[in-house]
Amino acid sequence: MRFEEREDLGEVISDVDVVYMTRVQKERFPDPSEYEKVKGSYRLDLKLLERASKDLKILHPLPKVDEIDLEIDKTSYAAYYKQAFYGVPLRMALLTLVLSGE
């Protein structure tokens, strides 16, 4: 699998199949002023998605704060709710495999 790490999603949005978004976590900053400097730095909105492939899927570990525009929730790009839904049975299956010794 080929991958690249990029800082500007806008440069590559038309070339990617999956975007995995996370929020800037306030609780991870010991200094609140440092959080204030970066909050809102990473935001996905419909304007950016105008250049995206129609098959693009957006994943997110949830909960979302404001890093993904709420309008995206209504689009076919939003796969994060399915991601969360399938996470429960997947974890159950993995635990079964691990605990059964197979």
PDB file of N, CA and C in Angstrom:
ATOM      1  N   MET A   1       0.848  -1.168   0.000  1.00  0.00           N
ATOM      2  CA  MET A   1       0.000   0.000   0.000  1.00  0.00           C
ATOM      3  C   MET A   1       0.900   1.239   0.000  1.00  0.00           C
ATOM      4  N   ARG A   2       0.562   2.170  -0.825  1.00  0.00           N
ATOM      5  CA  ARG A   2       1.307   3.422  -0.926  1.00  0.00           C
ATOM      6  C   ARG A   2       0.601   4.479  -0.086  1.00  0.00           C
ATOM      7  N   PHE A   3       1.356   5.241   0.693  1.00  0.00           N
ATOM      8  CA  PHE A   3       0.761   6.347   1.432  1.00  0.00           C
ATOM      9  C   PHE A   3       1.755   7.483   1.549  1.00  0.00           C
ATOM     10  N   GLU A   4       1.218   8.660   1.771  1.00  0.00           N
ATOM     11  CA  GLU A   4       2.023   9.851   1.983  1.00  0.00           C
ATOM     12  C   GLU A   4       1.419  10.629   3.127  1.00  0.00           C
ATOM     13  N   GLU A   5       2.248  11.303   3.875  1.00  0.00           N
ATOM     14  CA  GLU A   5       1.759  12.215   4.910  1.00  0.00           C
ATOM     15  C   GLU A   5       1.872  13.623   4.347  1.00  0.00           C
ATOM     16  N   ARG A   6       0.765  14.341   4.373  1.00  0.00           N
ATOM     17  CA  ARG A   6       0.733  15.699   3.830  1.00  0.00           C
ATOM     18  C   ARG A   6       0.139  16.643   4.856  1.00  0.00           C
ATOM     19  N   GLU A   7       0.507  17.899   4.792  1.00  0.00           N
ATOM     20  CA  GLU A   7      -0.015  18.885   5.738  1.00  0.00           C
ATOM     21  C   GLU A   7      -1.223  19.631   5.203  1.00  0.00           C
ATOM     22  N   ASP A   8      -1.354  19.730   3.882  1.00  0.00           N
ATOM     23  CA  ASP A   8      -2.465  20.476   3.297  1.00  0.00           C
ATOM     24  C   ASP A   8      -3.380  19.515   2.541  1.00  0.00           C
ATOM     25  N   LEU A   9      -4.498  19.184   3.149  1.00  0.00           N
ATOM     26  CA  LEU A   9      -5.441  18.255   2.541  1.00  0.00           C
ATOM     27  C   LEU A   9      -5.954  18.781   1.203  1.00  0.00           C
ATOM     28  N   GLY A  10      -6.082  20.074   1.086  1.00  0.00           N
ATOM     29  CA  GLY A  10      -6.567  20.668  -0.152  1.00  0.00           C
ATOM     30  C   GLY A  10      -5.711  20.332  -1.358  1.00  0.00           C
ATOM     31  N   GLU A  11      -4.419  20.096  -1.145  1.00  0.00           N
ATOM     32  CA  GLU A  11      -3.512  19.763  -2.247  1.00  0.00           C
ATOM     33  C   GLU A  11      -3.770  18.368  -2.810  1.00  0.00           C
ATOM     34  N   VAL A  12      -4.327  17.477  -1.987  1.00  0.00           N
ATOM     35  CA  VAL A  12      -4.449  16.072  -2.406  1.00  0.00           C
ATOM     36  C   VAL A  12      -5.877  15.529  -2.337  1.00  0.00           C
ATOM     37  N   ILE A  13      -6.847  16.348  -1.988  1.00  0.00           N
ATOM     38  CA  ILE A  13      -8.213  15.858  -1.760  1.00  0.00           C
ATOM     39  C   ILE A  13      -8.775  15.123  -2.971  1.00  0.00           C
ATOM     40  N   SER A  14      -8.384  15.510  -4.161  1.00  0.00           N
ATOM     41  CA  SER A  14      -8.911  14.844  -5.366  1.00  0.00           C
ATOM     42  C   SER A  14      -8.249  13.489  -5.608  1.00  0.00           C
ATOM     43  N   ASP A  15      -7.172  13.191  -4.899  1.00  0.00           N
ATOM     44  CA  ASP A  15      -6.417  11.952  -5.118  1.00  0.00           C
ATOM     45  C   ASP A  15      -6.606  10.904  -4.028  1.00  0.00           C
ATOM     46  N   VAL A  16      -7.328  11.224  -2.962  1.00  0.00           N
ATOM     47  CA  VAL A  16      -7.406  10.289  -1.839  1.00  0.00           C
ATOM     48  C   VAL A  16      -8.730   9.527  -1.830  1.00  0.00           C
ATOM     49  N   ASP A  17      -8.683   8.332  -1.257  1.00  0.00           N
ATOM     50  CA  ASP A  17      -9.876   7.490  -1.134  1.00  0.00           C
ATOM     51  C   ASP A  17     -10.507   7.611   0.250  1.00  0.00           C
ATOM     52  N   VAL A  18      -9.657   7.859   1.257  1.00  0.00           N
ATOM     53  CA  VAL A  18     -10.114   7.916   2.639  1.00  0.00           C
ATOM     54  C   VAL A  18      -9.438   9.079   3.342  1.00  0.00           C
ATOM     55  N   VAL A  19     -10.224   9.812   4.125  1.00  0.00           N
ATOM     56  CA  VAL A  19      -9.684  10.840   5.005  1.00  0.00           C
ATOM     57  C   VAL A  19     -10.026  10.412   6.422  1.00  0.00           C
ATOM     58  N   TYR A  20      -9.007  10.282   7.266  1.00  0.00           N
ATOM     59  CA  TYR A  20      -9.222   9.932   8.668  1.00  0.00           C
ATOM     60  C   TYR A  20      -8.998  11.200   9.475  1.00  0.00           C
ATOM     61  N   MET A  21     -10.090  11.765   9.965  1.00  0.00           N
ATOM     62  CA  MET A  21     -10.032  13.018  10.724  1.00  0.00           C
ATOM     63  C   MET A  21     -10.017  12.718  12.216  1.00  0.00           C
ATOM     64  N   THR A  22      -9.331  13.552  12.953  1.00  0.00           N
ATOM     65  CA  THR A  22      -9.424  13.545  14.409  1.00  0.00           C
ATOM     66  C   THR A  22      -9.534  14.993  14.861  1.00  0.00           C
ATOM     67  N   ARG A  23      -9.922  15.172  16.085  1.00  0.00           N
ATOM     68  CA  ARG A  23     -10.027  16.537  16.604  1.00  0.00           C
ATOM     69  C   ARG A  23      -8.737  16.899  17.327  1.00  0.00           C
ATOM     70  N   VAL A  24      -8.480  18.182  17.444  1.00  0.00           N
ATOM     71  CA  VAL A  24      -7.392  18.653  18.295  1.00  0.00           C
ATOM     72  C   VAL A  24      -7.917  18.530  19.718  1.00  0.00           C
ATOM     73  N   GLN A  25      -7.290  17.703  20.525  1.00  0.00           N
ATOM     74  CA  GLN A  25      -7.808  17.368  21.846  1.00  0.00           C
ATOM     75  C   GLN A  25      -7.304  18.342  22.909  1.00  0.00           C
ATOM     76  N   LYS A  26      -8.215  19.151  23.367  1.00  0.00           N
ATOM     77  CA  LYS A  26      -7.901  20.171  24.366  1.00  0.00           C
ATOM     78  C   LYS A  26      -7.247  19.565  25.605  1.00  0.00           C
ATOM     79  N   GLU A  27      -7.728  18.387  26.013  1.00  0.00           N
ATOM     80  CA  GLU A  27      -7.221  17.751  27.225  1.00  0.00           C
ATOM     81  C   GLU A  27      -5.766  17.295  27.111  1.00  0.00           C
ATOM     82  N   ARG A  28      -5.225  17.284  25.916  1.00  0.00           N
ATOM     83  CA  ARG A  28      -3.827  16.872  25.715  1.00  0.00           C
ATOM     84  C   ARG A  28      -2.842  18.031  25.829  1.00  0.00           C
ATOM     85  N   PHE A  29      -3.341  19.232  26.001  1.00  0.00           N
ATOM     86  CA  PHE A  29      -2.485  20.410  26.079  1.00  0.00           C
ATOM     87  C   PHE A  29      -2.326  20.860  27.533  1.00  0.00           C
ATOM     88  N   PRO A  30      -1.115  20.790  28.064  1.00  0.00           N
ATOM     89  CA  PRO A  30      -0.923  21.259  29.440  1.00  0.00           C
ATOM     90  C   PRO A  30      -1.127  22.776  29.574  1.00  0.00           C
ATOM     91  N   ASP A  31      -0.869  23.484  28.490  1.00  0.00           N
ATOM     92  CA  ASP A  31      -1.018  24.943  28.497  1.00  0.00           C
ATOM     93  C   ASP A  31      -2.216  25.323  27.622  1.00  0.00           C
ATOM     94  N   PRO A  32      -3.297  25.817  28.207  1.00  0.00           N
ATOM     95  CA  PRO A  32      -4.497  26.170  27.436  1.00  0.00           C
ATOM     96  C   PRO A  32      -4.236  27.164  26.302  1.00  0.00           C
ATOM     97  N   SER A  33      -3.250  28.031  26.471  1.00  0.00           N
ATOM     98  CA  SER A  33      -2.971  29.001  25.407  1.00  0.00           C
ATOM     99  C   SER A  33      -2.426  28.308  24.158  1.00  0.00           C
ATOM    100  N   GLU A  34      -1.720  27.190  24.325  1.00  0.00           N
ATOM    101  CA  GLU A  34      -1.220  26.435  23.174  1.00  0.00           C
ATOM    102  C   GLU A  34      -2.377  25.812  22.400  1.00  0.00           C
ATOM    103  N   TYR A  35      -3.365  25.318  23.128  1.00  0.00           N
ATOM    104  CA  TYR A  35      -4.560  24.771  22.479  1.00  0.00           C
ATOM    105  C   TYR A  35      -5.270  25.861  21.689  1.00  0.00           C
ATOM    106  N   GLU A  36      -5.407  27.031  22.272  1.00  0.00           N
ATOM    107  CA  GLU A  36      -6.094  28.141  21.598  1.00  0.00           C
ATOM    108  C   GLU A  36      -5.421  28.505  20.279  1.00  0.00           C
ATOM    109  N   LYS A  37      -4.106  28.321  20.205  1.00  0.00           N
ATOM    110  CA  LYS A  37      -3.368  28.645  18.978  1.00  0.00           C
ATOM    111  C   LYS A  37      -3.709  27.694  17.827  1.00  0.00           C
ATOM    112  N   VAL A  38      -4.017  26.434  18.153  1.00  0.00           N
ATOM    113  CA  VAL A  38      -4.210  25.441  17.094  1.00  0.00           C
ATOM    114  C   VAL A  38      -5.651  24.980  16.900  1.00  0.00           C
ATOM    115  N   LYS A  39      -6.535  25.291  17.833  1.00  0.00           N
ATOM    116  CA  LYS A  39      -7.919  24.827  17.668  1.00  0.00           C
ATOM    117  C   LYS A  39      -8.498  25.394  16.376  1.00  0.00           C
ATOM    118  N   GLY A  40      -9.218  24.591  15.676  1.00  0.00           N
ATOM    119  CA  GLY A  40      -9.796  25.024  14.408  1.00  0.00           C
ATOM    120  C   GLY A  40      -8.836  24.985  13.232  1.00  0.00           C
ATOM    121  N   SER A  41      -7.603  24.544  13.458  1.00  0.00           N
ATOM    122  CA  SER A  41      -6.606  24.493  12.376  1.00  0.00           C
ATOM    123  C   SER A  41      -6.964  23.469  11.311  1.00  0.00           C
ATOM    124  N   TYR A  42      -7.575  22.384  11.735  1.00  0.00           N
ATOM    125  CA  TYR A  42      -7.931  21.309  10.822  1.00  0.00           C
ATOM    126  C   TYR A  42      -9.444  21.220  10.764  1.00  0.00           C
ATOM    127  N   ARG A  43      -9.990  21.608   9.632  1.00  0.00           N
ATOM    128  CA  ARG A  43     -11.441  21.622   9.486  1.00  0.00           C
ATOM    129  C   ARG A  43     -11.803  21.146   8.094  1.00  0.00           C
ATOM    130  N   LEU A  44     -12.766  20.259   8.037  1.00  0.00           N
ATOM    131  CA  LEU A  44     -13.231  19.723   6.772  1.00  0.00           C
ATOM    132  C   LEU A  44     -14.617  20.278   6.500  1.00  0.00           C
ATOM    133  N   ASP A  45     -14.787  20.906   5.329  1.00  0.00           N
ATOM    134  CA  ASP A  45     -16.089  21.485   4.992  1.00  0.00           C
ATOM    135  C   ASP A  45     -16.480  21.107   3.561  1.00  0.00           C
ATOM    136  N   LEU A  46     -17.700  21.448   3.206  1.00  0.00           N
ATOM    137  CA  LEU A  46     -18.218  21.091   1.880  1.00  0.00           C
ATOM    138  C   LEU A  46     -17.436  21.739   0.747  1.00  0.00           C
ATOM    139  N   LYS A  47     -16.934  22.933   0.976  1.00  0.00           N
ATOM    140  CA  LYS A  47     -16.156  23.615  -0.068  1.00  0.00           C
ATOM    141  C   LYS A  47     -14.916  22.798  -0.436  1.00  0.00           C
ATOM    142  N   LEU A  48     -14.234  22.275   0.563  1.00  0.00           N
ATOM    143  CA  LEU A  48     -13.055  21.448   0.302  1.00  0.00           C
ATOM    144  C   LEU A  48     -13.443  20.165  -0.445  1.00  0.00           C
ATOM    145  N   LEU A  49     -14.595  19.622  -0.121  1.00  0.00           N
ATOM    146  CA  LEU A  49     -15.034  18.364  -0.738  1.00  0.00           C
ATOM    147  C   LEU A  49     -15.518  18.529  -2.176  1.00  0.00           C
ATOM    148  N   GLU A  50     -15.662  19.747  -2.646  1.00  0.00           N
ATOM    149  CA  GLU A  50     -16.063  19.969  -4.042  1.00  0.00           C
ATOM    150  C   GLU A  50     -15.066  19.336  -5.008  1.00  0.00           C
ATOM    151  N   ARG A  51     -13.808  19.252  -4.596  1.00  0.00           N
ATOM    152  CA  ARG A  51     -12.760  18.693  -5.457  1.00  0.00           C
ATOM    153  C   ARG A  51     -12.511  17.214  -5.176  1.00  0.00           C
ATOM    154  N   ALA A  52     -13.238  16.625  -4.245  1.00  0.00           N
ATOM    155  CA  ALA A  52     -13.012  15.233  -3.844  1.00  0.00           C
ATOM    156  C   ALA A  52     -13.679  14.258  -4.809  1.00  0.00           C
ATOM    157  N   SER A  53     -13.168  13.057  -4.818  1.00  0.00           N
ATOM    158  CA  SER A  53     -13.788  11.971  -5.571  1.00  0.00           C
ATOM    159  C   SER A  53     -15.160  11.685  -4.966  1.00  0.00           C
ATOM    160  N   LYS A  54     -16.112  11.294  -5.791  1.00  0.00           N
ATOM    161  CA  LYS A  54     -17.451  10.990  -5.266  1.00  0.00           C
ATOM    162  C   LYS A  54     -17.435   9.756  -4.376  1.00  0.00           C
ATOM    163  N   ASP A  55     -16.374   8.945  -4.461  1.00  0.00           N
ATOM    164  CA  ASP A  55     -16.249   7.725  -3.660  1.00  0.00           C
ATOM    165  C   ASP A  55     -15.471   7.928  -2.362  1.00  0.00           C
ATOM    166  N   LEU A  56     -14.988   9.133  -2.116  1.00  0.00           N
ATOM    167  CA  LEU A  56     -14.229   9.412  -0.893  1.00  0.00           C
ATOM    168  C   LEU A  56     -15.042   9.052   0.342  1.00  0.00           C
ATOM    169  N   LYS A  57     -14.380   8.476   1.337  1.00  0.00           N
ATOM    170  CA  LYS A  57     -15.015   8.189   2.626  1.00  0.00           C
ATOM    171  C   LYS A  57     -14.238   8.905   3.720  1.00  0.00           C
ATOM    172  N   ILE A  58     -14.968   9.501   4.643  1.00  0.00           N
ATOM    173  CA  ILE A  58     -14.366  10.199   5.772  1.00  0.00           C
ATOM    174  C   ILE A  58     -14.605   9.362   7.023  1.00  0.00           C
ATOM    175  N   LEU A  59     -13.523   9.068   7.725  1.00  0.00           N
ATOM    176  CA  LEU A  59     -13.588   8.336   8.982  1.00  0.00           C
ATOM    177  C   LEU A  59     -13.195   9.262  10.123  1.00  0.00           C
ATOM    178  N   HIS A  60     -13.686   8.946  11.318  1.00  0.00           N
ATOM    179  CA  HIS A  60     -13.402   9.754  12.506  1.00  0.00           C
ATOM    180  C   HIS A  60     -13.679   8.882  13.722  1.00  0.00           C
ATOM    181  N   PRO A  61     -12.836   8.924  14.751  1.00  0.00           N
ATOM    182  CA  PRO A  61     -13.062   8.057  15.914  1.00  0.00           C
ATOM    183  C   PRO A  61     -14.219   8.509  16.803  1.00  0.00           C
ATOM    184  N   LEU A  62     -14.727   9.704  16.580  1.00  0.00           N
ATOM    185  CA  LEU A  62     -15.796  10.286  17.383  1.00  0.00           C
ATOM    186  C   LEU A  62     -15.374  10.425  18.849  1.00  0.00           C
ATOM    187  N   PRO A  63     -15.835  11.374  19.581  1.00  0.00           N
ATOM    188  CA  PRO A  63     -16.832  12.362  19.199  1.00  0.00           C
ATOM    189  C   PRO A  63     -16.221  13.482  18.356  1.00  0.00           C
ATOM    190  N   LYS A  64     -17.057  14.057  17.520  1.00  0.00           N
ATOM    191  CA  LYS A  64     -16.653  15.219  16.723  1.00  0.00           C
ATOM    192  C   LYS A  64     -16.934  16.466  17.540  1.00  0.00           C
ATOM    193  N   VAL A  65     -16.158  17.485  17.319  1.00  0.00           N
ATOM    194  CA  VAL A  65     -16.417  18.779  17.945  1.00  0.00           C
ATOM    195  C   VAL A  65     -16.803  19.758  16.835  1.00  0.00           C
ATOM    196  N   ASP A  66     -15.804  20.333  16.167  1.00  0.00           N
ATOM    197  CA  ASP A  66     -16.119  21.230  15.047  1.00  0.00           C
ATOM    198  C   ASP A  66     -15.164  21.039  13.877  1.00  0.00           C
ATOM    199  N   GLU A  67     -14.444  19.924  13.872  1.00  0.00           N
ATOM    200  CA  GLU A  67     -13.465  19.684  12.805  1.00  0.00           C
ATOM    201  C   GLU A  67     -14.099  19.200  11.505  1.00  0.00           C
ATOM    202  N   ILE A  68     -15.332  18.712  11.582  1.00  0.00           N
ATOM    203  CA  ILE A  68     -16.070  18.313  10.379  1.00  0.00           C
ATOM    204  C   ILE A  68     -17.386  19.081  10.364  1.00  0.00           C
ATOM    205  N   ASP A  69     -17.611  19.829   9.310  1.00  0.00           N
ATOM    206  CA  ASP A  69     -18.842  20.602   9.164  1.00  0.00           C
ATOM    207  C   ASP A  69     -20.046  19.669   9.291  1.00  0.00           C
ATOM    208  N   LEU A  70     -21.053  20.094  10.021  1.00  0.00           N
ATOM    209  CA  LEU A  70     -22.241  19.272  10.240  1.00  0.00           C
ATOM    210  C   LEU A  70     -22.955  18.898   8.947  1.00  0.00           C
ATOM    211  N   GLU A  71     -22.836  19.713   7.925  1.00  0.00           N
ATOM    212  CA  GLU A  71     -23.468  19.410   6.632  1.00  0.00           C
ATOM    213  C   GLU A  71     -22.882  18.146   5.997  1.00  0.00           C
ATOM    214  N   ILE A  72     -21.652  17.814   6.329  1.00  0.00           N
ATOM    215  CA  ILE A  72     -21.017  16.621   5.766  1.00  0.00           C
ATOM    216  C   ILE A  72     -21.694  15.359   6.289  1.00  0.00           C
ATOM    217  N   ASP A  73     -22.274  15.420   7.485  1.00  0.00           N
ATOM    218  CA  ASP A  73     -22.974  14.258   8.045  1.00  0.00           C
ATOM    219  C   ASP A  73     -24.067  13.735   7.112  1.00  0.00           C
ATOM    220  N   LYS A  74     -24.620  14.604   6.294  1.00  0.00           N
ATOM    221  CA  LYS A  74     -25.734  14.242   5.409  1.00  0.00           C
ATOM    222  C   LYS A  74     -25.263  13.724   4.045  1.00  0.00           C
ATOM    223  N   THR A  75     -23.954  13.671   3.831  1.00  0.00           N
ATOM    224  CA  THR A  75     -23.429  13.281   2.524  1.00  0.00           C
ATOM    225  C   THR A  75     -22.989  11.821   2.513  1.00  0.00           C
ATOM    226  N   SER A  76     -22.724  11.319   1.323  1.00  0.00           N
ATOM    227  CA  SER A  76     -22.225   9.947   1.194  1.00  0.00           C
ATOM    228  C   SER A  76     -20.768   9.831   1.634  1.00  0.00           C
ATOM    229  N   TYR A  77     -20.101  10.958   1.829  1.00  0.00           N
ATOM    230  CA  TYR A  77     -18.710  10.937   2.293  1.00  0.00           C
ATOM    231  C   TYR A  77     -18.616  10.454   3.745  1.00  0.00           C
ATOM    232  N   ALA A  78     -19.605  10.770   4.549  1.00  0.00           N
ATOM    233  CA  ALA A  78     -19.557  10.496   5.993  1.00  0.00           C
ATOM    234  C   ALA A  78     -19.689   9.000   6.268  1.00  0.00           C
ATOM    235  N   ALA A  79     -18.597   8.389   6.691  1.00  0.00           N
ATOM    236  CA  ALA A  79     -18.616   6.953   7.026  1.00  0.00           C
ATOM    237  C   ALA A  79     -18.350   6.743   8.514  1.00  0.00           C
ATOM    238  N   TYR A  80     -18.228   7.804   9.285  1.00  0.00           N
ATOM    239  CA  TYR A  80     -17.839   7.677  10.693  1.00  0.00           C
ATOM    240  C   TYR A  80     -18.924   7.080  11.570  1.00  0.00           C
ATOM    241  N   TYR A  81     -20.183   7.246  11.231  1.00  0.00           N
ATOM    242  CA  TYR A  81     -21.228   6.628  12.054  1.00  0.00           C
ATOM    243  C   TYR A  81     -21.276   5.118  11.818  1.00  0.00           C
ATOM    244  N   LYS A  82     -21.070   4.694  10.570  1.00  0.00           N
ATOM    245  CA  LYS A  82     -20.963   3.256  10.286  1.00  0.00           C
ATOM    246  C   LYS A  82     -19.720   2.692  10.966  1.00  0.00           C
ATOM    247  N   GLN A  83     -18.637   3.455  10.915  1.00  0.00           N
ATOM    248  CA  GLN A  83     -17.392   3.046  11.555  1.00  0.00           C
ATOM    249  C   GLN A  83     -17.632   2.763  13.042  1.00  0.00           C
ATOM    250  N   ALA A  84     -18.331   3.651  13.717  1.00  0.00           N
ATOM    251  CA  ALA A  84     -18.621   3.470  15.144  1.00  0.00           C
ATOM    252  C   ALA A  84     -19.557   2.283  15.365  1.00  0.00           C
ATOM    253  N   PHE A  85     -20.568   2.147  14.518  1.00  0.00           N
ATOM    254  CA  PHE A  85     -21.534   1.063  14.649  1.00  0.00           C
ATOM    255  C   PHE A  85     -20.854  -0.301  14.526  1.00  0.00           C
ATOM    256  N   TYR A  86     -20.000  -0.452  13.521  1.00  0.00           N
ATOM    257  CA  TYR A  86     -19.342  -1.740  13.292  1.00  0.00           C
ATOM    258  C   TYR A  86     -18.214  -2.007  14.285  1.00  0.00           C
ATOM    259  N   GLY A  87     -17.779  -0.990  14.995  1.00  0.00           N
ATOM    260  CA  GLY A  87     -16.713  -1.171  15.978  1.00  0.00           C
ATOM    261  C   GLY A  87     -17.103  -2.118  17.106  1.00  0.00           C
ATOM    262  N   VAL A  88     -18.363  -2.103  17.523  1.00  0.00           N
ATOM    263  CA  VAL A  88     -18.808  -2.953  18.633  1.00  0.00           C
ATOM    264  C   VAL A  88     -18.743  -4.439  18.260  1.00  0.00           C
ATOM    265  N   PRO A  89     -19.401  -4.886  17.172  1.00  0.00           N
ATOM    266  CA  PRO A  89     -19.300  -6.307  16.845  1.00  0.00           C
ATOM    267  C   PRO A  89     -17.870  -6.739  16.484  1.00  0.00           C
ATOM    268  N   LEU A  90     -17.100  -5.849  15.915  1.00  0.00           N
ATOM    269  CA  LEU A  90     -15.722  -6.186  15.590  1.00  0.00           C
ATOM    270  C   LEU A  90     -14.929  -6.448  16.867  1.00  0.00           C
ATOM    271  N   ARG A  91     -15.087  -5.588  17.861  1.00  0.00           N
ATOM    272  CA  ARG A  91     -14.390  -5.804  19.139  1.00  0.00           C
ATOM    273  C   ARG A  91     -14.869  -7.088  19.808  1.00  0.00           C
ATOM    274  N   MET A  92     -16.160  -7.366  19.720  1.00  0.00           N
ATOM    275  CA  MET A  92     -16.698  -8.601  20.293  1.00  0.00           C
ATOM    276  C   MET A  92     -16.053  -9.824  19.628  1.00  0.00           C
ATOM    277  N   ALA A  93     -15.938  -9.792  18.324  1.00  0.00           N
ATOM    278  CA  ALA A  93     -15.335 -10.916  17.596  1.00  0.00           C
ATOM    279  C   ALA A  93     -13.867 -11.075  17.966  1.00  0.00           C
ATOM    280  N   LEU A  94     -13.153  -9.970  18.055  1.00  0.00           N
ATOM    281  CA  LEU A  94     -11.734 -10.044  18.430  1.00  0.00           C
ATOM    282  C   LEU A  94     -11.560 -10.587  19.842  1.00  0.00           C
ATOM    283  N   LEU A  95     -12.381 -10.135  20.766  1.00  0.00           N
ATOM    284  CA  LEU A  95     -12.306 -10.636  22.146  1.00  0.00           C
ATOM    285  C   LEU A  95     -12.616 -12.129  22.194  1.00  0.00           C
ATOM    286  N   THR A  96     -13.584 -12.561  21.419  1.00  0.00           N
ATOM    287  CA  THR A  96     -13.910 -13.987  21.360  1.00  0.00           C
ATOM    288  C   THR A  96     -12.723 -14.796  20.869  1.00  0.00           C
ATOM    289  N   LEU A  97     -12.074 -14.325  19.820  1.00  0.00           N
ATOM    290  CA  LEU A  97     -10.895 -15.023  19.293  1.00  0.00           C
ATOM    291  C   LEU A  97      -9.760 -15.061  20.316  1.00  0.00           C
ATOM    292  N   VAL A  98      -9.510 -13.946  20.951  1.00  0.00           N
ATOM    293  CA  VAL A  98      -8.415 -13.874  21.918  1.00  0.00           C
ATOM    294  C   VAL A  98      -8.700 -14.747  23.141  1.00  0.00           C
ATOM    295  N   LEU A  99      -9.899 -14.657  23.659  1.00  0.00           N
ATOM    296  CA  LEU A  99     -10.235 -15.379  24.888  1.00  0.00           C
ATOM    297  C   LEU A  99     -10.467 -16.875  24.665  1.00  0.00           C
ATOM    298  N   SER A 100     -10.796 -17.254  23.437  1.00  0.00           N
ATOM    299  CA  SER A 100     -11.016 -18.672  23.162  1.00  0.00           C
ATOM    300  C   SER A 100      -9.708 -19.408  22.879  1.00  0.00           C
ATOM    301  N   GLY A 101      -8.635 -18.656  22.721  1.00  0.00           N
ATOM    302  CA  GLY A 101      -7.331 -19.286  22.485  1.00  0.00           C
ATOM    303  C   GLY A 101      -7.112 -19.745  21.067  1.00  0.00           C
ATOM    304  N   GLU A 102      -7.964 -19.379  20.151  1.00  0.00           N
ATOM    305  CA  GLU A 102      -7.804 -19.781  18.747  1.00  0.00           C
ATOM    306  C   GLU A 102      -6.957 -18.805  17.987  1.00  0.00           C
TER     307      GLU A 102
END
